Amino acid sequence: MKSKLFILILIVYTIHNIVTFICYGLDKRYAKKDKTRIPEKTLMGYAFFFGGPGAFLGMQIFRHKTKHLQFQIFVPVFMILQIVMWVVAAIIIL
């Protein structure tokens, strides 16, 4: 039972990271086309609320927000903390 819940949560987590990644790509596209942007608080919020890996990949692949100090510091920290959380959870549950 615990492992099924763990897998379900992992699926939701993965979907959220895909959405976060897409948002970083969209914001980069909007920036190039001079359209209405996704607020930085929203992008950082996605990273903080369990979207660290998606945000980090979005920053690297789209070369977006890489010059902003707060993104340079916090997004990798969020990603590392979330990966550690998953490893610990996997060890405890599985």
PDB file of N, CA and C in Angstrom:
ATOM      1  N   MET A   1       0.826  -1.208   0.000  1.00  0.00           N
ATOM      2  CA  MET A   1       0.000   0.000   0.000  1.00  0.00           C
ATOM      3  C   MET A   1       0.865   1.266   0.000  1.00  0.00           C
ATOM      4  N   LYS A   2       1.896   1.268   0.860  1.00  0.00           N
ATOM      5  CA  LYS A   2       2.767   2.437   0.918  1.00  0.00           C
ATOM      6  C   LYS A   2       3.484   2.657  -0.406  1.00  0.00           C
ATOM      7  N   SER A   3       3.917   1.576  -1.036  1.00  0.00           N
ATOM      8  CA  SER A   3       4.655   1.727  -2.288  1.00  0.00           C
ATOM      9  C   SER A   3       3.757   2.250  -3.411  1.00  0.00           C
ATOM     10  N   LYS A   4       2.471   1.868  -3.409  1.00  0.00           N
ATOM     11  CA  LYS A   4       1.550   2.385  -4.428  1.00  0.00           C
ATOM     12  C   LYS A   4       1.337   3.879  -4.239  1.00  0.00           C
ATOM     13  N   LEU A   5       1.198   4.316  -2.994  1.00  0.00           N
ATOM     14  CA  LEU A   5       1.042   5.743  -2.707  1.00  0.00           C
ATOM     15  C   LEU A   5       2.307   6.497  -3.099  1.00  0.00           C
ATOM     16  N   PHE A   6       3.451   5.909  -2.786  1.00  0.00           N
ATOM     17  CA  PHE A   6       4.732   6.516  -3.150  1.00  0.00           C
ATOM     18  C   PHE A   6       4.823   6.711  -4.660  1.00  0.00           C
ATOM     19  N   ILE A   7       4.453   5.694  -5.414  1.00  0.00           N
ATOM     20  CA  ILE A   7       4.500   5.768  -6.881  1.00  0.00           C
ATOM     21  C   ILE A   7       3.516   6.813  -7.410  1.00  0.00           C
ATOM     22  N   LEU A   8       2.326   6.874  -6.842  1.00  0.00           N
ATOM     23  CA  LEU A   8       1.336   7.873  -7.253  1.00  0.00           C
ATOM     24  C   LEU A   8       1.864   9.289  -7.004  1.00  0.00           C
ATOM     25  N   ILE A   9       2.439   9.501  -5.833  1.00  0.00           N
ATOM     26  CA  ILE A   9       2.996  10.823  -5.515  1.00  0.00           C
ATOM     27  C   ILE A   9       4.160  11.145  -6.453  1.00  0.00           C
ATOM     28  N   LEU A  10       4.966  10.151  -6.766  1.00  0.00           N
ATOM     29  CA  LEU A  10       6.082  10.353  -7.697  1.00  0.00           C
ATOM     30  C   LEU A  10       5.588  10.731  -9.089  1.00  0.00           C
ATOM     31  N   ILE A  11       4.495  10.140  -9.521  1.00  0.00           N
ATOM     32  CA  ILE A  11       3.905  10.485 -10.825  1.00  0.00           C
ATOM     33  C   ILE A  11       3.424  11.933 -10.831  1.00  0.00           C
ATOM     34  N   VAL A  12       2.729  12.334  -9.769  1.00  0.00           N
ATOM     35  CA  VAL A  12       2.249  13.720  -9.660  1.00  0.00           C
ATOM     36  C   VAL A  12       3.433  14.683  -9.632  1.00  0.00           C
ATOM     37  N   TYR A  13       4.468  14.318  -8.891  1.00  0.00           N
ATOM     38  CA  TYR A  13       5.687  15.124  -8.805  1.00  0.00           C
ATOM     39  C   TYR A  13       6.322  15.289 -10.192  1.00  0.00           C
ATOM     40  N   THR A  14       6.385  14.214 -10.931  1.00  0.00           N
ATOM     41  CA  THR A  14       6.968  14.247 -12.279  1.00  0.00           C
ATOM     42  C   THR A  14       6.154  15.152 -13.206  1.00  0.00           C
ATOM     43  N   ILE A  15       4.842  15.026 -13.145  1.00  0.00           N
ATOM     44  CA  ILE A  15       3.970  15.877 -13.973  1.00  0.00           C
ATOM     45  C   ILE A  15       4.171  17.344 -13.615  1.00  0.00           C
ATOM     46  N   HIS A  16       4.254  17.642 -12.315  1.00  0.00           N
ATOM     47  CA  HIS A  16       4.476  19.028 -11.881  1.00  0.00           C
ATOM     48  C   HIS A  16       5.815  19.550 -12.410  1.00  0.00           C
ATOM     49  N   ASN A  17       6.832  18.722 -12.419  1.00  0.00           N
ATOM     50  CA  ASN A  17       8.130  19.147 -12.931  1.00  0.00           C
ATOM     51  C   ASN A  17       8.095  19.362 -14.437  1.00  0.00           C
ATOM     52  N   ILE A  18       7.334  18.575 -15.141  1.00  0.00           N
ATOM     53  CA  ILE A  18       7.173  18.781 -16.588  1.00  0.00           C
ATOM     54  C   ILE A  18       6.471  20.115 -16.844  1.00  0.00           C
ATOM     55  N   VAL A  19       5.435  20.397 -16.070  1.00  0.00           N
ATOM     56  CA  VAL A  19       4.721  21.678 -16.203  1.00  0.00           C
ATOM     57  C   VAL A  19       5.658  22.838 -15.883  1.00  0.00           C
ATOM     58  N   THR A  20       6.459  22.698 -14.834  1.00  0.00           N
ATOM     59  CA  THR A  20       7.418  23.743 -14.461  1.00  0.00           C
ATOM     60  C   THR A  20       8.410  23.983 -15.595  1.00  0.00           C
ATOM     61  N   PHE A  21       8.938  22.907 -16.157  1.00  0.00           N
ATOM     62  CA  PHE A  21       9.875  22.994 -17.279  1.00  0.00           C
ATOM     63  C   PHE A  21       9.233  23.738 -18.449  1.00  0.00           C
ATOM     64  N   ILE A  22       7.999  23.388 -18.772  1.00  0.00           N
ATOM     65  CA  ILE A  22       7.282  24.034 -19.872  1.00  0.00           C
ATOM     66  C   ILE A  22       7.077  25.519 -19.589  1.00  0.00           C
ATOM     67  N   CYS A  23       6.763  25.870 -18.342  1.00  0.00           N
ATOM     68  CA  CYS A  23       6.575  27.282 -17.990  1.00  0.00           C
ATOM     69  C   CYS A  23       7.849  28.093 -18.201  1.00  0.00           C
ATOM     70  N   TYR A  24       8.998  27.524 -17.858  1.00  0.00           N
ATOM     71  CA  TYR A  24      10.262  28.226 -18.100  1.00  0.00           C
ATOM     72  C   TYR A  24      10.484  28.424 -19.597  1.00  0.00           C
ATOM     73  N   GLY A  25      10.158  27.420 -20.380  1.00  0.00           N
ATOM     74  CA  GLY A  25      10.293  27.547 -21.831  1.00  0.00           C
ATOM     75  C   GLY A  25       9.337  28.567 -22.414  1.00  0.00           C
ATOM     76  N   LEU A  26       8.096  28.543 -21.934  1.00  0.00           N
ATOM     77  CA  LEU A  26       7.112  29.517 -22.416  1.00  0.00           C
ATOM     78  C   LEU A  26       7.526  30.940 -22.065  1.00  0.00           C
ATOM     79  N   ASP A  27       8.006  31.139 -20.831  1.00  0.00           N
ATOM     80  CA  ASP A  27       8.404  32.488 -20.430  1.00  0.00           C
ATOM     81  C   ASP A  27       9.562  32.981 -21.283  1.00  0.00           C
ATOM     82  N   LYS A  28      10.483  32.092 -21.622  1.00  0.00           N
ATOM     83  CA  LYS A  28      11.588  32.492 -22.504  1.00  0.00           C
ATOM     84  C   LYS A  28      11.049  32.884 -23.885  1.00  0.00           C
ATOM     85  N   ARG A  29      10.105  32.101 -24.387  1.00  0.00           N
ATOM     86  CA  ARG A  29       9.498  32.415 -25.688  1.00  0.00           C
ATOM     87  C   ARG A  29       8.765  33.755 -25.620  1.00  0.00           C
ATOM     88  N   TYR A  30       8.007  33.965 -24.534  1.00  0.00           N
ATOM     89  CA  TYR A  30       7.282  35.234 -24.376  1.00  0.00           C
ATOM     90  C   TYR A  30       8.262  36.404 -24.311  1.00  0.00           C
ATOM     91  N   ALA A  31       9.403  36.206 -23.661  1.00  0.00           N
ATOM     92  CA  ALA A  31      10.397  37.274 -23.559  1.00  0.00           C
ATOM     93  C   ALA A  31      10.937  37.641 -24.939  1.00  0.00           C
ATOM     94  N   LYS A  32      11.188  36.642 -25.760  1.00  0.00           N
ATOM     95  CA  LYS A  32      11.712  36.908 -27.102  1.00  0.00           C
ATOM     96  C   LYS A  32      10.690  37.601 -27.990  1.00  0.00           C
ATOM     97  N   LYS A  33       9.405  37.289 -27.790  1.00  0.00           N
ATOM     98  CA  LYS A  33       8.348  37.854 -28.637  1.00  0.00           C
ATOM     99  C   LYS A  33       7.714  39.096 -28.025  1.00  0.00           C
ATOM    100  N   ASP A  34       8.277  39.555 -26.890  1.00  0.00           N
ATOM    101  CA  ASP A  34       7.796  40.765 -26.220  1.00  0.00           C
ATOM    102  C   ASP A  34       6.325  40.646 -25.827  1.00  0.00           C
ATOM    103  N   LYS A  35       5.928  39.484 -25.318  1.00  0.00           N
ATOM    104  CA  LYS A  35       4.555  39.253 -24.873  1.00  0.00           C
ATOM    105  C   LYS A  35       4.494  39.328 -23.347  1.00  0.00           C
ATOM    106  N   THR A  36       3.287  39.228 -22.813  1.00  0.00           N
ATOM    107  CA  THR A  36       3.099  39.221 -21.368  1.00  0.00           C
ATOM    108  C   THR A  36       3.818  38.016 -20.777  1.00  0.00           C
ATOM    109  N   ARG A  37       4.624  38.272 -19.737  1.00  0.00           N
ATOM    110  CA  ARG A  37       5.499  37.254 -19.155  1.00  0.00           C
ATOM    111  C   ARG A  37       4.873  36.564 -17.957  1.00  0.00           C
ATOM    112  N   ILE A  38       5.423  35.425 -17.612  1.00  0.00           N
ATOM    113  CA  ILE A  38       5.061  34.732 -16.377  1.00  0.00           C
ATOM    114  C   ILE A  38       5.867  35.409 -15.272  1.00  0.00           C
ATOM    115  N   PRO A  39       5.208  35.863 -14.202  1.00  0.00           N
ATOM    116  CA  PRO A  39       5.942  36.569 -13.141  1.00  0.00           C
ATOM    117  C   PRO A  39       7.059  35.712 -12.528  1.00  0.00           C
ATOM    118  N   GLU A  40       8.149  36.374 -12.132  1.00  0.00           N
ATOM    119  CA  GLU A  40       9.268  35.671 -11.514  1.00  0.00           C
ATOM    120  C   GLU A  40       8.833  34.943 -10.248  1.00  0.00           C
ATOM    121  N   LYS A  41       7.920  35.550  -9.491  1.00  0.00           N
ATOM    122  CA  LYS A  41       7.431  34.901  -8.269  1.00  0.00           C
ATOM    123  C   LYS A  41       6.747  33.574  -8.594  1.00  0.00           C
ATOM    124  N   THR A  42       6.044  33.524  -9.705  1.00  0.00           N
ATOM    125  CA  THR A  42       5.376  32.290 -10.112  1.00  0.00           C
ATOM    126  C   THR A  42       6.402  31.233 -10.490  1.00  0.00           C
ATOM    127  N   LEU A  43       7.394  31.623 -11.277  1.00  0.00           N
ATOM    128  CA  LEU A  43       8.440  30.676 -11.674  1.00  0.00           C
ATOM    129  C   LEU A  43       9.195  30.152 -10.457  1.00  0.00           C
ATOM    130  N   MET A  44       9.513  31.039  -9.526  1.00  0.00           N
ATOM    131  CA  MET A  44      10.221  30.622  -8.314  1.00  0.00           C
ATOM    132  C   MET A  44       9.310  29.753  -7.438  1.00  0.00           C
ATOM    133  N   GLY A  45       8.030  30.080  -7.416  1.00  0.00           N
ATOM    134  CA  GLY A  45       7.073  29.284  -6.650  1.00  0.00           C
ATOM    135  C   GLY A  45       6.962  27.866  -7.176  1.00  0.00           C
ATOM    136  N   TYR A  46       6.934  27.722  -8.495  1.00  0.00           N
ATOM    137  CA  TYR A  46       6.913  26.382  -9.089  1.00  0.00           C
ATOM    138  C   TYR A  46       8.149  25.591  -8.664  1.00  0.00           C
ATOM    139  N   ALA A  47       9.298  26.249  -8.660  1.00  0.00           N
ATOM    140  CA  ALA A  47      10.535  25.577  -8.258  1.00  0.00           C
ATOM    141  C   ALA A  47      10.488  25.188  -6.786  1.00  0.00           C
ATOM    142  N   PHE A  48      10.023  26.090  -5.951  1.00  0.00           N
ATOM    143  CA  PHE A  48       9.970  25.841  -4.508  1.00  0.00           C
ATOM    144  C   PHE A  48       8.998  24.725  -4.163  1.00  0.00           C
ATOM    145  N   PHE A  49       7.823  24.772  -4.744  1.00  0.00           N
ATOM    146  CA  PHE A  49       6.801  23.774  -4.447  1.00  0.00           C
ATOM    147  C   PHE A  49       6.989  22.536  -5.321  1.00  0.00           C
ATOM    148  N   PHE A  50       8.105  21.872  -5.094  1.00  0.00           N
ATOM    149  CA  PHE A  50       8.411  20.562  -5.669  1.00  0.00           C
ATOM    150  C   PHE A  50       8.610  20.558  -7.183  1.00  0.00           C
ATOM    151  N   GLY A  51       9.095  21.671  -7.730  1.00  0.00           N
ATOM    152  CA  GLY A  51       9.404  21.710  -9.155  1.00  0.00           C
ATOM    153  C   GLY A  51      10.862  22.040  -9.418  1.00  0.00           C
ATOM    154  N   GLY A  52      11.719  21.797  -8.426  1.00  0.00           N
ATOM    155  CA  GLY A  52      13.136  22.138  -8.544  1.00  0.00           C
ATOM    156  C   GLY A  52      13.836  21.547  -9.755  1.00  0.00           C
ATOM    157  N   PRO A  53      13.727  20.234  -9.967  1.00  0.00           N
ATOM    158  CA  PRO A  53      14.405  19.658 -11.140  1.00  0.00           C
ATOM    159  C   PRO A  53      13.885  20.216 -12.468  1.00  0.00           C
ATOM    160  N   GLY A  54      12.590  20.403 -12.585  1.00  0.00           N
ATOM    161  CA  GLY A  54      12.016  20.960 -13.814  1.00  0.00           C
ATOM    162  C   GLY A  54      12.479  22.389 -14.050  1.00  0.00           C
ATOM    163  N   ALA A  55      12.538  23.172 -12.971  1.00  0.00           N
ATOM    164  CA  ALA A  55      12.999  24.555 -13.085  1.00  0.00           C
ATOM    165  C   ALA A  55      14.478  24.597 -13.465  1.00  0.00           C
ATOM    166  N   PHE A  56      15.277  23.746 -12.834  1.00  0.00           N
ATOM    167  CA  PHE A  56      16.702  23.719 -13.129  1.00  0.00           C
ATOM    168  C   PHE A  56      16.952  23.330 -14.583  1.00  0.00           C
ATOM    169  N   LEU A  57      16.269  22.286 -15.042  1.00  0.00           N
ATOM    170  CA  LEU A  57      16.415  21.880 -16.446  1.00  0.00           C
ATOM    171  C   LEU A  57      15.932  22.978 -17.394  1.00  0.00           C
ATOM    172  N   GLY A  58      14.828  23.639 -17.039  1.00  0.00           N
ATOM    173  CA  GLY A  58      14.322  24.732 -17.858  1.00  0.00           C
ATOM    174  C   GLY A  58      15.317  25.876 -17.950  1.00  0.00           C
ATOM    175  N   MET A  59      15.958  26.183 -16.826  1.00  0.00           N
ATOM    176  CA  MET A  59      16.966  27.237 -16.833  1.00  0.00           C
ATOM    177  C   MET A  59      18.132  26.867 -17.748  1.00  0.00           C
ATOM    178  N   GLN A  60      18.576  25.624 -17.673  1.00  0.00           N
ATOM    179  CA  GLN A  60      19.743  25.204 -18.444  1.00  0.00           C
ATOM    180  C   GLN A  60      19.429  25.036 -19.933  1.00  0.00           C
ATOM    181  N   ILE A  61      18.340  24.382 -20.239  1.00  0.00           N
ATOM    182  CA  ILE A  61      18.016  24.087 -21.641  1.00  0.00           C
ATOM    183  C   ILE A  61      17.572  25.338 -22.388  1.00  0.00           C
ATOM    184  N   PHE A  62      16.747  26.159 -21.752  1.00  0.00           N
ATOM    185  CA  PHE A  62      16.244  27.362 -22.419  1.00  0.00           C
ATOM    186  C   PHE A  62      17.142  28.583 -22.177  1.00  0.00           C
ATOM    187  N   ARG A  63      18.193  28.396 -21.354  1.00  0.00           N
ATOM    188  CA  ARG A  63      19.073  29.519 -20.982  1.00  0.00           C
ATOM    189  C   ARG A  63      18.235  30.690 -20.482  1.00  0.00           C
ATOM    190  N   HIS A  64      17.377  30.390 -19.501  1.00  0.00           N
ATOM    191  CA  HIS A  64      16.421  31.373 -19.006  1.00  0.00           C
ATOM    192  C   HIS A  64      16.611  31.588 -17.510  1.00  0.00           C
ATOM    193  N   LYS A  65      16.687  32.824 -17.111  1.00  0.00           N
ATOM    194  CA  LYS A  65      16.866  33.252 -15.726  1.00  0.00           C
ATOM    195  C   LYS A  65      18.223  32.857 -15.160  1.00  0.00           C
ATOM    196  N   THR A  66      19.179  32.570 -16.024  1.00  0.00           N
ATOM    197  CA  THR A  66      20.487  32.128 -15.562  1.00  0.00           C
ATOM    198  C   THR A  66      21.352  33.276 -15.047  1.00  0.00           C
ATOM    199  N   LYS A  67      20.978  34.508 -15.339  1.00  0.00           N
ATOM    200  CA  LYS A  67      21.752  35.656 -14.867  1.00  0.00           C
ATOM    201  C   LYS A  67      21.149  36.284 -13.614  1.00  0.00           C
ATOM    202  N   HIS A  68      20.002  35.795 -13.181  1.00  0.00           N
ATOM    203  CA  HIS A  68      19.351  36.313 -11.979  1.00  0.00           C
ATOM    204  C   HIS A  68      19.904  35.577 -10.762  1.00  0.00           C
ATOM    205  N   LEU A  69      20.504  36.316  -9.842  1.00  0.00           N
ATOM    206  CA  LEU A  69      21.171  35.721  -8.693  1.00  0.00           C
ATOM    207  C   LEU A  69      20.232  34.840  -7.866  1.00  0.00           C
ATOM    208  N   GLN A  70      18.996  35.309  -7.649  1.00  0.00           N
ATOM    209  CA  GLN A  70      18.090  34.509  -6.827  1.00  0.00           C
ATOM    210  C   GLN A  70      17.779  33.164  -7.490  1.00  0.00           C
ATOM    211  N   PHE A  71      17.683  33.124  -8.802  1.00  0.00           N
ATOM    212  CA  PHE A  71      17.447  31.870  -9.507  1.00  0.00           C
ATOM    213  C   PHE A  71      18.719  31.006  -9.498  1.00  0.00           C
ATOM    214  N   GLN A  72      19.882  31.630  -9.641  1.00  0.00           N
ATOM    215  CA  GLN A  72      21.144  30.895  -9.621  1.00  0.00           C
ATOM    216  C   GLN A  72      21.350  30.175  -8.288  1.00  0.00           C
ATOM    217  N   ILE A  73      20.889  30.789  -7.217  1.00  0.00           N
ATOM    218  CA  ILE A  73      21.087  30.214  -5.880  1.00  0.00           C
ATOM    219  C   ILE A  73      19.959  29.267  -5.505  1.00  0.00           C
ATOM    220  N   PHE A  74      18.731  29.757  -5.565  1.00  0.00           N
ATOM    221  CA  PHE A  74      17.623  29.014  -4.980  1.00  0.00           C
ATOM    222  C   PHE A  74      17.157  27.812  -5.796  1.00  0.00           C
ATOM    223  N   VAL A  75      17.132  27.918  -7.091  1.00  0.00           N
ATOM    224  CA  VAL A  75      16.637  26.790  -7.897  1.00  0.00           C
ATOM    225  C   VAL A  75      17.503  25.541  -7.705  1.00  0.00           C
ATOM    226  N   PRO A  76      18.846  25.641  -7.764  1.00  0.00           N
ATOM    227  CA  PRO A  76      19.641  24.435  -7.486  1.00  0.00           C
ATOM    228  C   PRO A  76      19.460  23.911  -6.059  1.00  0.00           C
ATOM    229  N   VAL A  77      19.315  24.826  -5.105  1.00  0.00           N
ATOM    230  CA  VAL A  77      19.091  24.403  -3.713  1.00  0.00           C
ATOM    231  C   VAL A  77      17.774  23.646  -3.606  1.00  0.00           C
ATOM    232  N   PHE A  78      16.710  24.180  -4.204  1.00  0.00           N
ATOM    233  CA  PHE A  78      15.412  23.490  -4.179  1.00  0.00           C
ATOM    234  C   PHE A  78      15.529  22.106  -4.815  1.00  0.00           C
ATOM    235  N   MET A  79      16.226  22.037  -5.941  1.00  0.00           N
ATOM    236  CA  MET A  79      16.373  20.769  -6.638  1.00  0.00           C
ATOM    237  C   MET A  79      17.109  19.747  -5.772  1.00  0.00           C
ATOM    238  N   ILE A  80      18.218  20.146  -5.181  1.00  0.00           N
ATOM    239  CA  ILE A  80      18.998  19.226  -4.344  1.00  0.00           C
ATOM    240  C   ILE A  80      18.183  18.759  -3.143  1.00  0.00           C
ATOM    241  N   LEU A  81      17.498  19.694  -2.487  1.00  0.00           N
ATOM    242  CA  LEU A  81      16.677  19.321  -1.329  1.00  0.00           C
ATOM    243  C   LEU A  81      15.573  18.347  -1.718  1.00  0.00           C
ATOM    244  N   GLN A  82      14.968  18.569  -2.861  1.00  0.00           N
ATOM    245  CA  GLN A  82      13.887  17.686  -3.303  1.00  0.00           C
ATOM    246  C   GLN A  82      14.411  16.305  -3.680  1.00  0.00           C
ATOM    247  N   ILE A  83      15.568  16.242  -4.294  1.00  0.00           N
ATOM    248  CA  ILE A  83      16.154  14.942  -4.633  1.00  0.00           C
ATOM    249  C   ILE A  83      16.507  14.183  -3.359  1.00  0.00           C
ATOM    250  N   VAL A  84      17.095  14.878  -2.397  1.00  0.00           N
ATOM    251  CA  VAL A  84      17.416  14.242  -1.111  1.00  0.00           C
ATOM    252  C   VAL A  84      16.143  13.749  -0.444  1.00  0.00           C
ATOM    253  N   MET A  85      15.085  14.560  -0.480  1.00  0.00           N
ATOM    254  CA  MET A  85      13.808  14.164   0.112  1.00  0.00           C
ATOM    255  C   MET A  85      13.297  12.871  -0.522  1.00  0.00           C
ATOM    256  N   TRP A  86      13.381  12.768  -1.840  1.00  0.00           N
ATOM    257  CA  TRP A  86      12.908  11.559  -2.536  1.00  0.00           C
ATOM    258  C   TRP A  86      13.741  10.342  -2.201  1.00  0.00           C
ATOM    259  N   VAL A  87      15.053  10.515  -2.099  1.00  0.00           N
ATOM    260  CA  VAL A  87      15.919   9.394  -1.753  1.00  0.00           C
ATOM    261  C   VAL A  87      15.604   8.898  -0.340  1.00  0.00           C
ATOM    262  N   VAL A  88      15.472   9.823   0.592  1.00  0.00           N
ATOM    263  CA  VAL A  88      15.126   9.441   1.972  1.00  0.00           C
ATOM    264  C   VAL A  88      13.759   8.776   2.024  1.00  0.00           C
ATOM    265  N   ALA A  89      12.784   9.332   1.339  1.00  0.00           N
ATOM    266  CA  ALA A  89      11.446   8.744   1.314  1.00  0.00           C
ATOM    267  C   ALA A  89      11.466   7.340   0.706  1.00  0.00           C
ATOM    268  N   ALA A  90      12.238   7.155  -0.337  1.00  0.00           N
ATOM    269  CA  ALA A  90      12.336   5.839  -0.972  1.00  0.00           C
ATOM    270  C   ALA A  90      12.963   4.832  -0.019  1.00  0.00           C
ATOM    271  N   ILE A  91      13.983   5.245   0.699  1.00  0.00           N
ATOM    272  CA  ILE A  91      14.628   4.344   1.653  1.00  0.00           C
ATOM    273  C   ILE A  91      13.666   3.962   2.774  1.00  0.00           C
ATOM    274  N   ILE A  92      12.916   4.922   3.270  1.00  0.00           N
ATOM    275  CA  ILE A  92      11.984   4.658   4.379  1.00  0.00           C
ATOM    276  C   ILE A  92      10.795   3.811   3.923  1.00  0.00           C
ATOM    277  N   ILE A  93      10.221   4.162   2.780  1.00  0.00           N
ATOM    278  CA  ILE A  93       8.975   3.513   2.336  1.00  0.00           C
ATOM    279  C   ILE A  93       9.237   2.183   1.649  1.00  0.00           C
ATOM    280  N   LEU A  94      10.208   2.150   0.780  1.00  0.00           N
ATOM    281  CA  LEU A  94      10.444   0.927   0.005  1.00  0.00           C
ATOM    282  C   LEU A  94      11.447   0.103   0.723  1.00  0.00           C
TER     283      LEU A  94
END
